[in-house]
Amino acid sequence: MKLCILVIASHSKEYDELIHLWRSIKYPDWIKIFFVLAEHDSSELISVSGDTILVRGKDCICPGILYKTRAAMEYLLANEEFDYLLRSNLSSFFNAESLLEFLKDMPRRNAMFGELVFESFLSGSGYIMTPDVIQRFLDWDYSEEVNPMKMNDDEIVGKFMMLHDIPRFTWNMERATSLKDENAIQIRCHVPRKTIGLNGLESIKTYASPEHFKEQVDRYNRRFL
């Protein structure tokens, strides 16, 4: 089995640290990792250097992540051989052995995998598509169904999944801050922080945690010492 992991990335102090940590994971040979970033003034529509795919465009949540995802998927479908593509964010850690055990008897066509949210879409923190589903997603004219300026990319992918009746298989995601099973397929490494909005009201949002991600990487890599 071959798995490509496509990691949605951006540049900041925390994100650059997470990219470095991803590159330090001692994953087996059947896993290949790519990072996709966007730059508004890139000289080419898409360029590739090593494990990095650079897409010309605005680096934003809506519609930036959707555009980055589709452009990178199109490149990987044309240039890599794989059975599954895992689209992840920077702060989700995946245990390769648990993922292999989950996928070994799963279909390699017409299927999607991930943590189900509200029965209508798979969490954008990490979901898997088979190559034929990726092609159908790229062929889909989403502009007739959704407004990418107002919907998150995982909601749009969920809309595609529901409209095309794609079979879905789910796993339970663990959170690093309340971890019960360190061998879980997916461990989301976020921490809550208080923020003050423009209206002066306080709210709590979650942010990527390089510290928690490093804990998972170190624990995983110790198996190979």
Protein backbone atom coordinates (compact mmCIF):
# COMPACT_ATOMS: atom_id res chain seq x y z
CA MET A 1 0.00 0.00 0.00
CA LYS A 2 1.11 3.55 -0.74
CA LEU A 3 -0.16 6.65 1.05
CA CYS A 4 0.49 10.29 0.19
CA ILE A 5 -0.02 12.78 3.00
CA LEU A 6 -0.84 16.28 1.79
CA VAL A 7 -0.29 18.77 4.60
CA ILE A 8 -1.93 22.20 4.34
CA ALA A 9 0.78 24.62 5.45
CA SER A 10 1.49 28.32 5.93
CA HIS A 11 4.42 30.32 7.22
CA SER A 12 4.61 31.56 10.81
CA LYS A 13 6.87 30.78 13.73
CA GLU A 14 4.56 28.01 15.00
CA TYR A 15 3.77 26.62 11.56
CA ASP A 16 7.42 26.53 10.49
CA GLU A 17 8.20 24.60 13.68
CA LEU A 18 5.42 22.14 12.88
CA ILE A 19 6.75 21.64 9.34
CA HIS A 20 10.17 20.86 10.83
CA LEU A 21 8.57 18.35 13.21
CA TRP A 22 6.62 16.66 10.39
CA ARG A 23 9.88 16.17 8.51
CA SER A 24 11.42 14.50 11.56
CA ILE A 25 8.77 11.75 11.82
CA LYS A 26 10.27 8.32 11.09
CA TYR A 27 7.40 7.13 8.92
CA PRO A 28 7.79 3.88 6.93
CA ASP A 29 8.57 3.90 3.20
CA TRP A 30 4.94 3.42 2.14
CA ILE A 31 4.16 6.96 3.35
CA LYS A 32 5.25 10.04 1.39
CA ILE A 33 4.63 13.57 2.71
CA PHE A 34 4.04 16.78 0.76
CA PHE A 35 3.40 20.29 2.07
CA VAL A 36 1.32 22.78 0.09
CA LEU A 37 1.71 26.53 0.55
CA ALA A 38 0.43 29.58 -1.32
CA GLU A 39 2.15 32.80 -2.32
CA HIS A 40 0.32 35.63 -4.01
CA ASP A 41 3.30 36.71 -6.14
CA SER A 42 4.62 33.28 -7.10
CA SER A 43 6.03 33.33 -10.64
CA GLU A 44 4.29 30.05 -11.57
CA LEU A 45 0.77 28.76 -11.06
CA ILE A 46 2.24 25.72 -9.33
CA SER A 47 5.83 24.70 -8.66
CA VAL A 48 7.38 21.82 -6.74
CA SER A 49 10.66 21.67 -4.85
CA GLY A 50 11.37 18.48 -2.93
CA ASP A 51 8.44 17.87 -0.61
CA THR A 52 6.94 21.36 -1.07
CA ILE A 53 4.18 22.31 -3.51
CA LEU A 54 3.84 26.06 -4.01
CA VAL A 55 0.59 27.41 -5.44
CA ARG A 56 0.08 30.93 -6.70
CA GLY A 57 -2.72 32.52 -4.69
CA LYS A 58 -3.74 34.31 -1.54
CA ASP A 59 -2.80 32.44 1.64
CA CYS A 60 -6.11 32.58 3.50
CA ILE A 61 -8.71 30.24 4.95
CA CYS A 62 -11.57 30.93 2.51
CA PRO A 63 -11.10 30.21 -0.33
CA GLY A 64 -7.33 29.74 0.01
CA ILE A 65 -7.27 26.29 1.62
CA LEU A 66 -9.71 24.90 -0.93
CA TYR A 67 -7.63 26.25 -3.82
CA LYS A 68 -4.39 24.92 -2.33
CA THR A 69 -5.99 21.52 -1.73
CA ARG A 70 -7.37 21.13 -5.25
CA ALA A 71 -4.19 22.36 -6.96
CA ALA A 72 -1.98 20.01 -4.94
CA MET A 73 -4.36 17.08 -5.44
CA GLU A 74 -4.25 17.63 -9.20
CA TYR A 75 -0.45 17.65 -9.16
CA LEU A 76 -0.17 14.52 -7.01
CA LEU A 77 -2.74 12.63 -9.07
CA ALA A 78 -0.70 13.32 -12.21
CA ASN A 79 2.76 12.74 -10.76
CA GLU A 80 2.57 10.22 -7.90
CA GLU A 81 1.30 6.66 -7.54
CA PHE A 82 -0.72 6.03 -4.40
CA ASP A 83 -3.67 4.05 -3.09
CA TYR A 84 -4.88 6.75 -0.70
CA LEU A 85 -4.32 10.46 -0.17
CA LEU A 86 -4.55 11.83 3.35
CA ARG A 87 -5.26 15.58 3.45
CA SER A 88 -4.11 16.84 6.85
CA ASN A 89 -3.53 20.09 8.66
CA LEU A 90 -0.21 20.82 10.33
CA SER A 91 -1.36 20.07 13.87
CA SER A 92 -2.73 16.53 13.37
CA PHE A 93 -0.39 13.65 14.18
CA PHE A 94 -1.06 10.22 12.62
CA ASN A 95 0.15 6.86 13.90
CA ALA A 96 1.25 4.96 10.79
CA GLU A 97 0.73 1.46 12.20
CA SER A 98 -2.79 2.23 13.45
CA LEU A 99 -3.64 3.80 10.10
CA LEU A 100 -2.30 0.77 8.24
CA GLU A 101 -4.39 -1.57 10.40
CA PHE A 102 -7.47 0.59 9.71
CA LEU A 103 -6.95 0.71 5.94
CA LYS A 104 -5.74 -2.83 5.22
CA ASP A 105 -9.22 -4.25 4.51
CA MET A 106 -10.78 -1.02 3.25
CA PRO A 107 -11.81 -0.35 -0.37
CA ARG A 108 -9.28 1.37 -2.61
CA ARG A 109 -11.95 2.89 -4.85
CA ASN A 110 -14.99 5.09 -4.25
CA ALA A 111 -14.35 5.76 -0.57
CA MET A 112 -13.49 8.49 1.92
CA PHE A 113 -12.22 8.18 5.49
CA GLY A 114 -11.92 10.42 8.55
CA GLU A 115 -13.67 11.78 11.60
CA LEU A 116 -17.35 12.41 10.84
CA VAL A 117 -18.68 15.82 11.88
CA PHE A 118 -22.42 16.50 12.14
CA GLU A 119 -23.13 13.50 9.89
CA SER A 120 -22.43 15.68 6.85
CA PHE A 121 -18.68 16.08 6.42
CA LEU A 122 -15.30 14.73 7.47
CA SER A 123 -13.15 16.95 9.66
CA GLY A 124 -10.64 19.03 7.71
CA SER A 125 -8.04 18.21 10.36
CA GLY A 126 -7.49 14.96 8.45
CA TYR A 127 -9.43 13.01 5.83
CA ILE A 128 -8.57 10.42 3.17
CA MET A 129 -9.73 10.04 -0.44
CA THR A 130 -9.10 7.26 -2.94
CA PRO A 131 -7.62 8.41 -6.28
CA ASP A 132 -10.86 7.96 -8.25
CA VAL A 133 -12.73 10.10 -5.72
CA ILE A 134 -10.05 12.78 -6.01
CA GLN A 135 -10.61 12.86 -9.79
CA ARG A 136 -14.36 13.21 -9.31
CA PHE A 137 -13.75 16.00 -6.79
CA LEU A 138 -11.49 17.83 -9.26
CA ASP A 139 -14.07 17.40 -12.05
CA TRP A 140 -16.89 18.73 -9.86
CA ASP A 141 -18.00 22.29 -10.67
CA TYR A 142 -18.48 23.36 -7.06
CA SER A 143 -19.39 26.94 -8.04
CA GLU A 144 -22.88 25.71 -8.92
CA GLU A 145 -23.41 24.35 -5.40
CA VAL A 146 -21.38 26.41 -2.89
CA ASN A 147 -19.75 29.79 -2.32
CA PRO A 148 -16.05 29.14 -1.52
CA MET A 149 -15.74 32.66 -0.10
CA LYS A 150 -18.18 31.79 2.69
CA MET A 151 -17.69 28.06 3.33
CA ASN A 152 -14.72 26.24 4.85
CA ASP A 153 -12.97 23.75 2.61
CA ASP A 154 -13.99 20.69 4.68
CA GLU A 155 -17.64 21.74 4.48
CA ILE A 156 -17.31 21.99 0.70
CA VAL A 157 -15.65 18.57 0.55
CA GLY A 158 -18.53 17.31 2.71
CA LYS A 159 -21.04 18.78 0.26
CA PHE A 160 -19.28 16.93 -2.55
CA MET A 161 -19.32 13.71 -0.50
CA MET A 162 -23.05 13.95 0.17
CA LEU A 163 -24.05 15.02 -3.37
CA HIS A 164 -22.07 12.18 -4.93
CA ASP A 165 -23.03 9.64 -2.26
CA ILE A 166 -19.43 8.67 -1.56
CA PRO A 167 -19.20 5.81 0.99
CA ARG A 168 -17.42 6.98 4.12
CA PHE A 169 -15.58 5.08 6.83
CA THR A 170 -14.79 6.81 10.09
CA TRP A 171 -12.32 6.82 12.95
CA ASN A 172 -12.39 8.59 16.30
CA MET A 173 -9.93 11.44 16.70
CA GLU A 174 -8.11 11.94 20.01
CA ARG A 175 -6.95 15.27 21.40
CA ALA A 176 -3.44 15.64 22.80
CA THR A 177 -4.73 17.62 25.78
CA SER A 178 -6.99 14.75 26.91
CA LEU A 179 -5.27 11.76 25.34
CA LYS A 180 -6.60 8.33 26.29
CA ASP A 181 -5.12 6.19 23.52
CA GLU A 182 -1.61 7.14 22.37
CA ASN A 183 -1.97 4.68 19.49
CA ALA A 184 -5.06 6.39 18.10
CA ILE A 185 -5.05 6.89 14.33
CA GLN A 186 -5.25 10.68 14.65
CA ILE A 187 -4.20 12.93 17.52
CA ARG A 188 -5.09 16.60 17.20
CA CYS A 189 -2.51 18.84 18.85
CA HIS A 190 -4.37 22.03 19.77
CA VAL A 191 -4.57 24.15 22.90
CA PRO A 192 -7.31 26.60 23.96
CA ARG A 193 -6.50 30.29 24.32
CA LYS A 194 -8.57 33.28 25.39
CA THR A 195 -8.94 35.99 22.76
CA ILE A 196 -10.57 39.40 22.71
CA GLY A 197 -12.62 40.21 19.61
CA LEU A 198 -13.05 43.57 17.91
CA ASN A 199 -16.28 43.94 19.87
CA GLY A 200 -14.33 43.64 23.12
CA LEU A 201 -15.91 40.31 24.02
CA GLU A 202 -13.79 37.44 25.29
CA SER A 203 -13.89 34.05 23.60
CA ILE A 204 -11.86 30.85 23.63
CA LYS A 205 -10.31 29.53 20.42
CA THR A 206 -7.98 26.63 19.77
CA TYR A 207 -4.52 27.01 18.26
CA ALA A 208 -1.94 24.59 16.90
CA SER A 209 0.50 23.42 19.57
CA PRO A 210 4.04 22.55 18.43
CA GLU A 211 4.79 21.42 21.99
CA HIS A 212 2.05 18.77 21.98
CA PHE A 213 2.92 17.73 18.42
CA LYS A 214 6.57 17.26 19.41
CA GLU A 215 5.49 15.01 22.28
CA GLN A 216 3.70 12.72 19.81
CA VAL A 217 6.62 12.74 17.34
CA ASP A 218 9.16 11.95 20.08
CA ARG A 219 7.00 9.14 21.46
CA TYR A 220 6.53 7.66 17.98
CA ASN A 221 10.18 7.95 16.97
CA ARG A 222 11.41 6.27 20.18
CA ARG A 223 10.10 3.01 18.75
CA PHE A 224 12.93 3.07 16.20
CA LEU A 225 15.86 3.84 18.51
